[in-house]
Amino acid sequence: MAEFERSLPFEALAEQSIIVKLFMHPDLFPDVERKLLPSDFFIKKFEITFDAMKMVNMQLNVIDYASVMNQVKKSMTETEFKSFTDELESFIKAFPDSNNMDDWVKLVRDSSMLRKIARVSSEIESSALERGADVNQVLDNAEQKIYELSNNRDSNEFITIHDALVQSFQHIELFKTNPAEAAGIPTGFSSVDDVIVGLGKGDLVFLGARPGMGKTSFALNIAANVAKNTGKAVAIFSLEMSAEQLATRLLASEAMVDSYSLRSGKLTQNDETQIGYAAAQLSKTNIYIDDTSGISVMQMKSKLRRLKNLGLVIVDYLQLVQGDKKTENRVTEVSDITRNMKIMAKSLGVPVICAAQLSRSNEKRGNDKKPMLSDLRESGSIEQDADIVMFLYSDKYYDKDKVDPDKANVVTLMIAKNRHGSMRNIDLAWSPQYTKFSTMATNISEND
């Protein structure tokens, strides 16, 4: 392995030149920091120095030679530090003040990427040659590693606390200057976004309801809103309905045309006009539908990696997802599925909304049939893996006669778990003939 590392490509002169130039022109550091990581430097002393520059810059907002070298000293022996400072000072004195920083940065970054490719290739080869290796697992790991490289993410690197804090401060600052960009992807329902602050990157969101309560419609409404408002790709895995059925639902919601009329073809001239306009608008979006039955999370992930500018993933629904491996019971299998979904959301850096069936246990609770986390069917680790759990609930579903006529088409969205904030109940207007939800006026209350 040592021989393999020594054979990897690197650009010694470019690494040295970047460090020296930054000491001579500290104002260049912010631009270089955006393009390089300390780990992009192959020569250890330059990696240590660039890391020290990042720490000092965060603390003092300037690159100060003495402060940087005090940090460097902590990572070297006295002999190594003395040799390095002598070498560095001689470099600075003899350094020609040229304007080649962009070229040096590109050389170092490209060499770093080539080293990562070589290491990943070696890891893939080793795992493929292991006796008894699982083909699907090896292939998924290989795809994941290549995907991370192509997206400039290296899963093998630690992130120092000061790098994480820099990211945190940048995000806080972005909230001040551009709150819309800093917040998660908006669902298109302002009352929901006010509570969950949008759908965050890597969030796993479960949407639970009894059959016929509207969970597929609500998920599709969010999908259409995200696709139209952000321009990002939205992937929908429909394990129960065909792509054509899903498209018909989307069309009914967007056109505000009765879904029965749409399916039966009994349309007025006005309906046809609205449908034509809605179809034109939907055709401009990047919504992708996969209606493969019994698909696994591993297969989903493989397909999703091929989509560009991915913004949201919808899975409808959890209990129809196939496990990637055989387990002793379905609860364990579903636990593996939810865990893998969370890993998928995090690795792709996009929110995943997964619809889930509720068990009948809430129907046995007397008068109060509002769903609870424990009602998630074959729940396993859903509560643990989810960032957000939402339930759709309507009294009308259980007893039509006891419902206030003014609330006949009101469905409550219960936010039962929210890692990013509080739990709330939100009333939404439900138009079943159009399979469409919409925001109501004053409609947020404390979650009981």
Protein backbone atom coordinates (compact mmCIF):
# COMPACT_ATOMS: atom_id res chain seq x y z
CA MET A 1 0.00 0.00 0.00
CA ALA A 2 2.88 2.39 0.78
CA GLU A 3 4.30 1.70 -2.68
CA PHE A 4 0.84 2.36 -4.21
CA GLU A 5 0.59 5.74 -2.41
CA ARG A 6 4.06 6.77 -3.57
CA SER A 7 3.10 6.08 -7.18
CA LEU A 8 0.07 8.39 -7.08
CA PRO A 9 0.22 11.63 -9.10
CA PHE A 10 0.91 14.96 -7.39
CA GLU A 11 2.23 18.43 -8.25
CA ALA A 12 4.88 19.41 -5.71
CA LEU A 13 5.77 22.77 -7.29
CA ALA A 14 2.12 23.82 -7.61
CA GLU A 15 1.39 22.90 -3.97
CA GLN A 16 4.40 24.85 -2.76
CA SER A 17 3.54 27.84 -4.98
CA ILE A 18 -0.03 28.06 -3.66
CA ILE A 19 1.11 28.17 -0.02
CA VAL A 20 3.83 30.76 -0.68
CA LYS A 21 1.55 32.93 -2.82
CA LEU A 22 -1.13 32.92 -0.09
CA PHE A 23 1.37 34.14 2.49
CA MET A 24 2.40 36.92 0.10
CA HIS A 25 -1.18 37.78 -0.95
CA PRO A 26 -3.62 36.75 1.85
CA ASP A 27 -6.51 38.43 0.00
CA LEU A 28 -6.48 35.50 -2.46
CA PHE A 29 -7.35 32.97 0.25
CA PRO A 30 -11.19 33.15 0.13
CA ASP A 31 -11.21 32.29 -3.58
CA VAL A 32 -8.69 29.45 -3.18
CA GLU A 33 -10.54 28.08 -0.13
CA ARG A 34 -13.69 27.67 -2.22
CA LYS A 35 -11.79 25.49 -4.70
CA LEU A 36 -9.45 23.39 -2.57
CA LEU A 37 -9.59 21.21 0.53
CA PRO A 38 -6.58 20.57 2.75
CA SER A 39 -6.73 16.92 1.64
CA ASP A 40 -6.17 18.03 -1.98
CA PHE A 41 -2.53 18.63 -1.03
CA PHE A 42 -0.46 15.45 -1.33
CA ILE A 43 2.62 16.76 0.53
CA LYS A 44 1.77 16.61 4.22
CA LYS A 45 3.45 19.84 5.32
CA PHE A 46 1.47 21.82 2.74
CA GLU A 47 -1.76 20.10 3.73
CA ILE A 48 -1.12 21.02 7.38
CA THR A 49 -0.34 24.63 6.42
CA PHE A 50 -3.44 25.09 4.28
CA ASP A 51 -5.57 23.61 7.08
CA ALA A 52 -3.98 26.05 9.54
CA MET A 53 -4.73 28.92 7.16
CA LYS A 54 -8.41 27.92 7.16
CA MET A 55 -8.52 27.87 10.96
CA VAL A 56 -6.78 31.23 11.35
CA ASN A 57 -8.92 32.83 8.67
CA MET A 58 -12.08 31.70 10.45
CA GLN A 59 -10.85 33.10 13.76
CA LEU A 60 -9.21 36.33 12.59
CA ASN A 61 -10.73 36.81 9.12
CA VAL A 62 -7.21 37.28 7.78
CA ILE A 63 -4.16 35.12 6.93
CA ASP A 64 -1.47 36.12 9.42
CA TYR A 65 1.90 34.36 8.95
CA ALA A 66 2.79 34.14 12.65
CA SER A 67 -0.66 32.82 13.64
CA VAL A 68 -0.66 30.25 10.86
CA MET A 69 2.79 28.97 11.78
CA ASN A 70 1.79 28.69 15.44
CA GLN A 71 -0.97 26.34 14.33
CA VAL A 72 1.39 24.41 12.04
CA LYS A 73 3.84 23.93 14.90
CA LYS A 74 1.25 21.88 16.81
CA SER A 75 1.31 19.20 14.09
CA MET A 76 5.09 18.84 13.65
CA THR A 77 8.09 17.85 15.69
CA GLU A 78 10.48 20.65 16.60
CA THR A 79 13.01 19.45 14.00
CA GLU A 80 10.36 19.18 11.27
CA PHE A 81 9.00 22.63 12.10
CA LYS A 82 12.44 24.29 12.07
CA SER A 83 13.27 22.68 8.73
CA PHE A 84 9.93 23.71 7.25
CA THR A 85 10.08 27.34 8.40
CA ASP A 86 13.63 27.73 7.00
CA GLU A 87 12.49 26.17 3.72
CA LEU A 88 9.35 28.33 3.58
CA GLU A 89 11.20 31.58 4.26
CA SER A 90 13.69 30.85 1.51
CA PHE A 91 10.82 30.06 -0.87
CA ILE A 92 9.13 33.37 -0.06
CA LYS A 93 12.32 35.37 -0.62
CA ALA A 94 13.06 33.75 -3.98
CA PHE A 95 9.45 33.45 -5.19
CA PRO A 96 8.64 35.21 -8.49
CA ASP A 97 5.40 37.15 -7.97
CA SER A 98 3.48 35.78 -10.96
CA ASN A 99 -0.27 35.54 -11.58
CA ASN A 100 -0.52 31.78 -12.04
CA MET A 101 -2.71 30.94 -9.01
CA ASP A 102 -5.61 29.61 -11.09
CA ASP A 103 -3.25 27.28 -12.98
CA TRP A 104 -1.68 25.98 -9.75
CA VAL A 105 -5.07 25.40 -8.15
CA LYS A 106 -6.24 23.44 -11.19
CA LEU A 107 -3.09 21.29 -11.18
CA VAL A 108 -3.48 20.46 -7.49
CA ARG A 109 -7.21 19.82 -7.75
CA ASP A 110 -6.85 17.60 -10.84
CA SER A 111 -4.02 15.61 -9.25
CA SER A 112 -6.12 15.15 -6.13
CA MET A 113 -9.04 13.84 -8.19
CA LEU A 114 -6.77 11.41 -10.07
CA ARG A 115 -5.51 10.07 -6.72
CA LYS A 116 -9.08 9.59 -5.52
CA ILE A 117 -9.98 7.75 -8.73
CA ALA A 118 -6.94 5.50 -8.34
CA ARG A 119 -7.79 4.72 -4.70
CA VAL A 120 -11.45 4.05 -5.45
CA SER A 121 -10.50 1.81 -8.37
CA SER A 122 -8.20 -0.15 -6.09
CA GLU A 123 -10.97 -0.51 -3.46
CA ILE A 124 -13.49 -1.67 -6.09
CA GLU A 125 -11.01 -4.20 -7.43
CA SER A 126 -10.30 -5.55 -3.94
CA SER A 127 -14.00 -5.92 -3.05
CA ALA A 128 -14.75 -7.61 -6.41
CA LEU A 129 -11.98 -10.16 -5.85
CA GLU A 130 -13.14 -11.11 -2.34
CA ARG A 131 -14.30 -14.71 -2.17
CA GLY A 132 -18.07 -14.95 -1.74
CA ALA A 133 -18.62 -11.25 -2.47
CA ASP A 134 -22.25 -10.22 -3.00
CA VAL A 135 -22.51 -8.95 -6.60
CA ASN A 136 -25.32 -6.46 -5.92
CA GLN A 137 -23.54 -5.03 -2.87
CA VAL A 138 -20.22 -4.70 -4.72
CA LEU A 139 -21.97 -3.00 -7.65
CA ASP A 140 -23.89 -0.61 -5.39
CA ASN A 141 -20.72 0.31 -3.46
CA ALA A 142 -18.86 0.85 -6.74
CA GLU A 143 -21.62 3.09 -8.10
CA GLN A 144 -21.75 5.03 -4.83
CA LYS A 145 -18.01 5.67 -4.82
CA ILE A 146 -17.98 6.82 -8.45
CA TYR A 147 -21.06 8.99 -7.82
CA GLU A 148 -19.35 10.67 -4.87
CA LEU A 149 -16.28 11.38 -6.98
CA SER A 150 -18.30 12.84 -9.83
CA ASN A 151 -20.07 15.10 -7.34
CA ASN A 152 -16.78 16.14 -5.71
CA ARG A 153 -17.64 14.44 -2.43
CA ASP A 154 -15.11 12.19 -0.73
CA SER A 155 -16.79 9.95 1.83
CA ASN A 156 -13.42 8.82 3.16
CA GLU A 157 -12.44 12.24 4.50
CA PHE A 158 -13.11 13.60 7.97
CA ILE A 159 -14.46 17.14 8.23
CA THR A 160 -12.77 19.15 10.95
CA ILE A 161 -14.97 21.02 13.42
CA HIS A 162 -13.78 24.39 12.16
CA ASP A 163 -14.69 23.42 8.57
CA ALA A 164 -18.12 22.37 9.81
CA LEU A 165 -18.46 25.65 11.70
CA VAL A 166 -17.48 27.62 8.59
CA GLN A 167 -20.29 25.86 6.72
CA SER A 168 -22.68 26.60 9.57
CA PHE A 169 -21.77 30.31 9.65
CA GLN A 170 -22.09 30.53 5.87
CA HIS A 171 -25.57 29.01 6.10
CA ILE A 172 -26.56 31.46 8.86
CA GLU A 173 -25.26 34.36 6.78
CA LEU A 174 -27.18 33.09 3.76
CA PHE A 175 -30.39 33.19 5.82
CA LYS A 176 -29.78 36.92 6.32
CA THR A 177 -29.01 37.73 2.69
CA ASN A 178 -31.10 35.16 0.81
CA PRO A 179 -33.53 33.33 3.12
CA ALA A 180 -35.31 31.61 0.22
CA GLU A 181 -32.09 29.92 -0.89
CA ALA A 182 -30.98 29.04 2.64
CA ALA A 183 -34.25 27.37 3.60
CA GLY A 184 -35.10 23.88 2.46
CA ILE A 185 -36.97 23.21 -0.76
CA PRO A 186 -40.48 24.67 -0.33
CA THR A 187 -43.35 22.19 -0.49
CA GLY A 188 -45.62 24.80 -2.06
CA PHE A 189 -47.80 24.81 1.07
CA SER A 190 -46.85 27.95 2.99
CA SER A 191 -48.40 26.78 6.26
CA VAL A 192 -46.37 23.55 6.11
CA ASP A 193 -43.14 25.33 5.17
CA ASP A 194 -43.58 27.73 8.09
CA VAL A 195 -43.34 24.76 10.46
CA ILE A 196 -40.74 22.50 8.81
CA VAL A 197 -38.73 25.33 7.12
CA GLY A 198 -38.93 23.51 3.81
CA LEU A 199 -37.60 20.09 2.86
CA GLY A 200 -33.93 19.93 3.86
CA LYS A 201 -31.15 18.21 1.94
CA GLY A 202 -30.90 14.63 3.13
CA ASP A 203 -34.23 14.73 4.99
CA LEU A 204 -36.25 11.52 5.16
CA VAL A 205 -39.94 12.41 5.47
CA PHE A 206 -42.67 9.85 6.12
CA LEU A 207 -46.25 10.67 5.16
CA GLY A 208 -48.63 8.29 6.90
CA ALA A 209 -52.36 7.79 6.41
CA ARG A 210 -55.05 5.15 6.13
CA PRO A 211 -55.91 4.04 2.56
CA GLY A 212 -58.01 6.61 0.69
CA MET A 213 -57.02 9.52 2.95
CA GLY A 214 -55.10 11.29 0.17
CA LYS A 215 -51.43 10.60 0.90
CA THR A 216 -50.56 9.89 -2.75
CA SER A 217 -52.38 13.05 -3.85
CA PHE A 218 -50.60 15.18 -1.24
CA ALA A 219 -47.21 13.76 -2.23
CA LEU A 220 -47.97 14.42 -5.92
CA ASN A 221 -49.09 17.98 -5.12
CA ILE A 222 -45.73 18.59 -3.43
CA ALA A 223 -43.91 16.96 -6.37
CA ALA A 224 -45.63 19.27 -8.88
CA ASN A 225 -45.01 22.35 -6.71
CA VAL A 226 -41.30 21.59 -6.33
CA ALA A 227 -40.85 20.79 -10.03
CA LYS A 228 -42.62 23.99 -11.15
CA ASN A 229 -41.14 26.37 -8.58
CA THR A 230 -37.51 25.21 -8.48
CA GLY A 231 -36.84 23.77 -11.94
CA LYS A 232 -35.20 20.79 -10.27
CA ALA A 233 -35.77 17.17 -11.22
CA VAL A 234 -38.36 15.29 -9.16
CA ALA A 235 -38.31 11.49 -9.19
CA ILE A 236 -41.45 9.53 -8.30
CA PHE A 237 -41.31 5.82 -7.58
CA SER A 238 -44.88 4.54 -7.88
CA LEU A 239 -45.09 0.95 -6.68
CA GLU A 240 -48.88 0.74 -6.77
CA MET A 241 -50.11 2.88 -9.67
CA SER A 242 -48.88 3.01 -13.26
CA ALA A 243 -47.13 6.05 -14.72
CA GLU A 244 -50.26 6.77 -16.77
CA GLN A 245 -52.48 6.76 -13.65
CA LEU A 246 -50.07 9.08 -11.87
CA ALA A 247 -49.93 11.43 -14.86
CA THR A 248 -53.74 11.55 -14.94
CA ARG A 249 -53.83 12.51 -11.26
CA LEU A 250 -51.23 15.22 -11.79
CA LEU A 251 -53.18 16.54 -14.76
CA ALA A 252 -56.48 16.63 -12.81
CA SER A 253 -54.82 18.56 -9.96
CA GLU A 254 -53.09 21.06 -12.23
CA ALA A 255 -56.07 21.61 -14.55
CA MET A 256 -58.62 21.62 -11.70
CA VAL A 257 -60.75 19.25 -13.78
CA ASP A 258 -62.81 16.48 -12.18
CA SER A 259 -60.66 13.35 -12.21
CA TYR A 260 -63.68 11.17 -13.08
CA SER A 261 -64.44 13.33 -16.11
CA LEU A 262 -60.81 13.07 -17.13
CA ARG A 263 -60.80 9.27 -16.89
CA SER A 264 -64.19 8.84 -18.56
CA GLY A 265 -63.58 11.39 -21.31
CA LYS A 266 -66.76 13.34 -20.44
CA LEU A 267 -65.16 16.74 -20.79
CA THR A 268 -66.56 20.17 -21.53
CA GLN A 269 -64.84 22.56 -23.91
CA ASN A 270 -63.60 24.56 -20.92
CA ASP A 271 -62.21 21.33 -19.38
CA GLU A 272 -60.28 20.60 -22.56
CA THR A 273 -58.82 24.11 -22.60
CA GLN A 274 -57.70 23.82 -18.99
CA ILE A 275 -56.26 20.35 -19.59
CA GLY A 276 -54.30 21.57 -22.59
CA TYR A 277 -52.80 24.42 -20.59
CA ALA A 278 -51.99 22.20 -17.59
CA ALA A 279 -50.38 19.56 -19.81
CA ALA A 280 -48.19 22.23 -21.43
CA GLN A 281 -47.09 23.49 -18.01
CA LEU A 282 -46.36 20.00 -16.65
CA SER A 283 -44.43 19.09 -19.80
CA LYS A 284 -41.98 21.88 -19.02
CA THR A 285 -41.11 20.33 -15.64
CA ASN A 286 -38.52 17.65 -14.94
CA ILE A 287 -40.77 15.05 -13.32
CA TYR A 288 -39.64 11.45 -13.78
CA ILE A 289 -41.88 8.48 -12.94
CA ASP A 290 -40.72 4.91 -12.31
CA ASP A 291 -43.58 2.44 -11.87
CA THR A 292 -41.46 -0.69 -11.33
CA SER A 293 -43.25 -3.01 -8.91
CA GLY A 294 -41.32 -4.33 -5.94
CA ILE A 295 -38.29 -2.10 -6.50
CA SER A 296 -35.59 -2.02 -3.80
CA VAL A 297 -33.82 1.00 -2.31
CA MET A 298 -30.56 -0.11 -3.92
CA GLN A 299 -32.24 -0.12 -7.34
CA MET A 300 -33.80 3.29 -6.66
CA LYS A 301 -30.43 4.73 -5.73
CA SER A 302 -28.82 3.36 -8.89
CA LYS A 303 -31.48 5.03 -11.06
CA LEU A 304 -31.42 8.31 -9.14
CA ARG A 305 -27.67 8.74 -9.59
CA ARG A 306 -28.27 9.13 -13.32
CA LEU A 307 -30.63 12.10 -12.90
CA LYS A 308 -29.12 15.56 -13.15
CA ASN A 309 -30.15 18.45 -10.87
CA LEU A 310 -32.19 16.17 -8.61
CA GLY A 311 -34.28 18.09 -6.08
CA LEU A 312 -36.79 15.65 -4.56
CA VAL A 313 -37.64 11.95 -4.41
CA ILE A 314 -41.14 10.57 -3.78
CA VAL A 315 -41.72 6.90 -2.87
CA ASP A 316 -45.30 5.60 -2.92
CA TYR A 317 -45.38 3.62 -0.76
CA LEU A 318 -43.14 2.06 1.92
CA GLN A 319 -44.89 -1.27 2.43
CA LEU A 320 -44.50 -2.15 -1.26
CA VAL A 321 -40.74 -1.54 -1.35
CA GLN A 322 -38.67 -4.70 -1.68
CA GLY A 323 -35.88 -5.40 0.79
CA ASP A 324 -32.34 -5.65 -0.56
CA LYS A 325 -31.70 -8.84 1.39
CA LYS A 326 -33.71 -11.63 2.95
CA THR A 327 -34.54 -11.23 6.65
CA GLU A 328 -36.34 -13.34 9.21
CA ASN A 329 -39.47 -11.15 9.27
CA ARG A 330 -41.10 -8.19 7.54
CA VAL A 331 -40.58 -5.78 10.44
CA THR A 332 -36.81 -6.32 10.25
CA GLU A 333 -36.97 -5.97 6.47
CA VAL A 334 -38.86 -2.66 6.68
CA SER A 335 -36.32 -1.43 9.26
CA ASP A 336 -33.53 -2.15 6.77
CA ILE A 337 -35.51 -0.37 4.05
CA THR A 338 -36.06 2.81 6.10
CA ARG A 339 -32.42 2.87 7.19
CA ASN A 340 -31.29 2.52 3.57
CA MET A 341 -33.69 5.26 2.53
CA LYS A 342 -32.14 7.63 5.05
CA ILE A 343 -28.67 6.71 3.78
CA MET A 344 -29.90 7.30 0.21
CA ALA A 345 -31.33 10.73 1.08
CA LYS A 346 -28.10 11.74 2.80
CA SER A 347 -25.76 10.44 0.09
CA LEU A 348 -27.76 12.08 -2.72
CA GLY A 349 -28.22 15.27 -0.71
CA VAL A 350 -31.95 15.54 -1.47
CA PRO A 351 -35.15 15.15 0.57
CA VAL A 352 -37.01 11.86 0.23
CA ILE A 353 -40.75 11.73 0.95
CA CYS A 354 -42.03 8.22 1.54
CA ALA A 355 -45.75 7.50 1.87
CA ALA A 356 -46.62 4.81 4.42
CA GLN A 357 -49.72 2.86 5.35
CA LEU A 358 -51.06 3.08 8.90
CA SER A 359 -52.23 0.03 10.78
CA ARG A 360 -55.83 -0.27 12.01
CA SER A 361 -54.78 0.22 15.64
CA ASN A 362 -56.05 3.82 15.72
CA GLU A 363 -59.55 2.58 14.79
CA LYS A 364 -59.70 0.67 18.08
CA ARG A 365 -59.07 3.69 20.29
CA GLY A 366 -62.65 4.76 20.87
CA ASN A 367 -63.54 8.35 20.03
CA ASP A 368 -60.01 9.67 19.42
CA LYS A 369 -58.77 8.05 16.24
CA LYS A 370 -55.99 10.53 15.50
CA PRO A 371 -52.89 8.61 14.36
CA MET A 372 -49.76 8.24 16.49
CA LEU A 373 -46.20 7.26 15.59
CA SER A 374 -46.85 3.74 16.84
CA ASP A 375 -49.60 3.35 14.21
CA LEU A 376 -47.08 3.23 11.38
CA ARG A 377 -47.58 -0.23 9.94
CA GLU A 378 -44.57 -2.56 10.29
CA SER A 379 -42.94 0.52 11.76
CA GLY A 380 -39.61 -1.01 12.76
CA SER A 381 -37.16 1.91 12.84
CA ILE A 382 -39.32 4.49 11.01
CA GLU A 383 -39.47 6.75 14.08
CA GLN A 384 -35.70 6.54 14.49
CA ASP A 385 -34.71 7.04 10.84
CA ALA A 386 -37.22 9.76 9.93
CA ASP A 387 -36.41 13.46 10.19
CA ILE A 388 -40.07 14.37 9.78
CA VAL A 389 -43.22 12.26 10.21
CA MET A 390 -46.54 13.66 9.00
CA PHE A 391 -50.03 12.15 9.17
CA LEU A 392 -53.14 13.00 7.17
CA TYR A 393 -56.31 12.77 9.26
CA SER A 394 -60.00 13.57 8.80
CA ASP A 395 -62.94 12.86 11.13
CA LYS A 396 -65.05 12.38 8.00
CA TYR A 397 -63.08 9.24 7.18
CA TYR A 398 -64.47 7.52 10.29
CA ASP A 399 -67.89 9.09 10.73
CA LYS A 400 -69.43 11.26 8.01
CA ASP A 401 -72.50 12.12 10.11
CA LYS A 402 -70.55 13.77 12.96
CA VAL A 403 -68.54 16.13 10.76
CA ASP A 404 -69.25 19.86 10.79
CA PRO A 405 -70.51 20.68 7.24
CA ASP A 406 -68.11 23.64 7.14
CA LYS A 407 -65.21 21.23 7.67
CA ALA A 408 -66.38 18.47 5.37
CA ASN A 409 -63.46 19.02 2.99
CA VAL A 410 -60.83 19.85 5.58
CA VAL A 411 -57.99 17.40 6.19
CA THR A 412 -55.56 17.86 9.06
CA LEU A 413 -51.85 17.39 8.44
CA MET A 414 -50.39 16.32 11.77
CA ILE A 415 -46.64 16.88 12.08
CA ALA A 416 -45.86 14.22 14.68
CA LYS A 417 -42.06 14.36 14.49
CA ASN A 418 -39.88 17.24 13.35
CA ARG A 419 -36.14 17.22 13.95
CA HIS A 420 -35.93 20.82 12.74
CA GLY A 421 -38.61 22.37 14.90
CA SER A 422 -41.96 21.99 16.60
CA MET A 423 -44.90 19.64 16.10
CA ARG A 424 -48.07 21.23 14.75
CA ASN A 425 -51.47 20.39 13.29
CA ILE A 426 -52.21 22.13 10.00
CA ASP A 427 -55.62 22.23 8.33
CA LEU A 428 -55.56 21.84 4.54
CA ALA A 429 -58.41 22.26 2.08
CA TRP A 430 -59.07 19.00 0.20
CA SER A 431 -60.77 18.89 -3.19
CA PRO A 432 -61.25 15.16 -3.81
CA GLN A 433 -62.69 15.61 -7.30
CA TYR A 434 -59.43 17.26 -8.36
CA THR A 435 -57.20 15.19 -6.02
CA LYS A 436 -55.78 18.51 -4.84
CA PHE A 437 -54.80 19.95 -1.47
CA SER A 438 -54.41 23.68 -0.86
CA THR A 439 -53.38 26.00 1.94
CA MET A 440 -56.08 27.53 4.11
CA ALA A 441 -56.01 30.83 5.99
CA THR A 442 -55.59 30.59 9.79
CA ASN A 443 -54.95 26.89 10.10
CA ILE A 444 -52.03 26.06 12.41
CA SER A 445 -52.57 24.73 15.94
CA GLU A 446 -50.54 23.01 18.61
CA ASN A 447 -50.14 19.28 18.21
CA ASP A 448 -52.11 17.60 21.00
